[in-house]
Amino acid sequence: MSVDTHCHLTFEEFADDLEGVLSRSVEAGVSEWITVGIDAEQSEKAIELAQKQEGMYATVGIHPHF
């Protein structure tokens, strides 16, 4: 199995199909994810998601464009 070391699973584009996104990535061989926060709000969401989802980890940060 593989680890997705940089994803943004808290973005609005994934909100309606997050379970599907995760399921399809598991089918493709991914077993763990590191979802990346780009600002304070997204970092908080990343932490919350990682606490709920098995195999999910979060990073906290501020992207330089913000």
C-alpha atoms as a PDB file:
ATOM      1  CA  MET A   1       0.000   0.000   0.000  1.00  0.00           C
ATOM      2  CA  SER A   2       1.049   3.592  -0.583  1.00  0.00           C
ATOM      3  CA  VAL A   3       0.826   6.836   1.364  1.00  0.00           C
ATOM      4  CA  ASP A   4      -0.462  10.028  -0.255  1.00  0.00           C
ATOM      5  CA  THR A   5       1.970  12.465   1.328  1.00  0.00           C
ATOM      6  CA  HIS A   6       0.304  15.671   0.122  1.00  0.00           C
ATOM      7  CA  CYS A   7      -3.411  16.041  -0.425  1.00  0.00           C
ATOM      8  CA  HIS A   8      -6.035  18.671   0.369  1.00  0.00           C
ATOM      9  CA  LEU A   9      -9.019  16.569   1.375  1.00  0.00           C
ATOM     10  CA  THR A  10     -10.611  19.435   3.299  1.00  0.00           C
ATOM     11  CA  PHE A  11     -11.166  21.485   0.147  1.00  0.00           C
ATOM     12  CA  GLU A  12     -14.780  22.195  -0.804  1.00  0.00           C
ATOM     13  CA  GLU A  13     -14.426  20.183  -4.033  1.00  0.00           C
ATOM     14  CA  PHE A  14     -14.276  16.973  -1.985  1.00  0.00           C
ATOM     15  CA  ALA A  15     -17.004  17.758   0.557  1.00  0.00           C
ATOM     16  CA  ASP A  16     -19.810  15.952  -1.281  1.00  0.00           C
ATOM     17  CA  ASP A  17     -17.771  12.848  -2.157  1.00  0.00           C
ATOM     18  CA  LEU A  18     -15.014  12.478   0.440  1.00  0.00           C
ATOM     19  CA  GLU A  19     -15.931   8.862   1.198  1.00  0.00           C
ATOM     20  CA  GLY A  20     -15.869   8.110  -2.525  1.00  0.00           C
ATOM     21  CA  VAL A  21     -12.511   9.817  -2.948  1.00  0.00           C
ATOM     22  CA  LEU A  22     -11.052   7.783  -0.095  1.00  0.00           C
ATOM     23  CA  SER A  23     -12.616   4.561  -1.359  1.00  0.00           C
ATOM     24  CA  ARG A  24     -11.239   5.065  -4.869  1.00  0.00           C
ATOM     25  CA  SER A  25      -7.799   5.878  -3.516  1.00  0.00           C
ATOM     26  CA  VAL A  26      -7.842   2.669  -1.432  1.00  0.00           C
ATOM     27  CA  GLU A  27      -8.784   0.751  -4.587  1.00  0.00           C
ATOM     28  CA  ALA A  28      -5.732   2.359  -6.240  1.00  0.00           C
ATOM     29  CA  GLY A  29      -3.490   1.141  -3.404  1.00  0.00           C
ATOM     30  CA  VAL A  30      -3.403   4.102  -1.026  1.00  0.00           C
ATOM     31  CA  SER A  31      -3.755   3.184   2.645  1.00  0.00           C
ATOM     32  CA  GLU A  32      -2.827   6.439   4.396  1.00  0.00           C
ATOM     33  CA  TRP A  33      -3.143  10.151   3.651  1.00  0.00           C
ATOM     34  CA  ILE A  34      -1.473  13.323   4.849  1.00  0.00           C
ATOM     35  CA  THR A  35      -3.927  16.145   4.304  1.00  0.00           C
ATOM     36  CA  VAL A  36      -2.319  19.558   4.276  1.00  0.00           C
ATOM     37  CA  GLY A  37      -3.646  22.741   5.858  1.00  0.00           C
ATOM     38  CA  ILE A  38      -2.947  25.916   3.869  1.00  0.00           C
ATOM     39  CA  ASP A  39      -4.335  28.480   6.311  1.00  0.00           C
ATOM     40  CA  ALA A  40      -5.737  28.523   9.833  1.00  0.00           C
ATOM     41  CA  GLU A  41      -9.231  27.385   8.803  1.00  0.00           C
ATOM     42  CA  GLN A  42      -8.035  24.576   6.539  1.00  0.00           C
ATOM     43  CA  SER A  43      -5.468  23.464   9.115  1.00  0.00           C
ATOM     44  CA  GLU A  44      -8.196  23.118  11.732  1.00  0.00           C
ATOM     45  CA  LYS A  45     -10.335  21.133   9.290  1.00  0.00           C
ATOM     46  CA  ALA A  46      -7.351  18.890   8.493  1.00  0.00           C
ATOM     47  CA  ILE A  47      -6.865  18.124  12.188  1.00  0.00           C
ATOM     48  CA  GLU A  48     -10.568  17.355  12.633  1.00  0.00           C
ATOM     49  CA  LEU A  49     -10.593  15.058   9.602  1.00  0.00           C
ATOM     50  CA  ALA A  50      -7.448  13.234  10.739  1.00  0.00           C
ATOM     51  CA  GLN A  51      -8.987  12.613  14.141  1.00  0.00           C
ATOM     52  CA  LYS A  52     -12.023  10.968  12.521  1.00  0.00           C
ATOM     53  CA  GLN A  53     -10.466   8.990   9.684  1.00  0.00           C
ATOM     54  CA  GLU A  54      -8.320   5.890  10.139  1.00  0.00           C
ATOM     55  CA  GLY A  55      -4.971   6.287   8.373  1.00  0.00           C
ATOM     56  CA  MET A  56      -5.351  10.069   8.015  1.00  0.00           C
ATOM     57  CA  TYR A  57      -2.762  12.525   9.282  1.00  0.00           C
ATOM     58  CA  ALA A  58      -2.732  16.319   9.163  1.00  0.00           C
ATOM     59  CA  THR A  59      -0.139  19.007   8.665  1.00  0.00           C
ATOM     60  CA  VAL A  60      -0.697  22.560   9.838  1.00  0.00           C
ATOM     61  CA  GLY A  61       0.634  25.537   7.962  1.00  0.00           C
ATOM     62  CA  ILE A  62       0.129  28.824   6.209  1.00  0.00           C
ATOM     63  CA  HIS A  63       0.730  28.843   2.464  1.00  0.00           C
ATOM     64  CA  PRO A  64       2.891  31.809   1.423  1.00  0.00           C
ATOM     65  CA  HIS A  65       0.178  33.073  -0.952  1.00  0.00           C
ATOM     66  CA  PHE A  66      -2.098  33.617   2.046  1.00  0.00           C
END
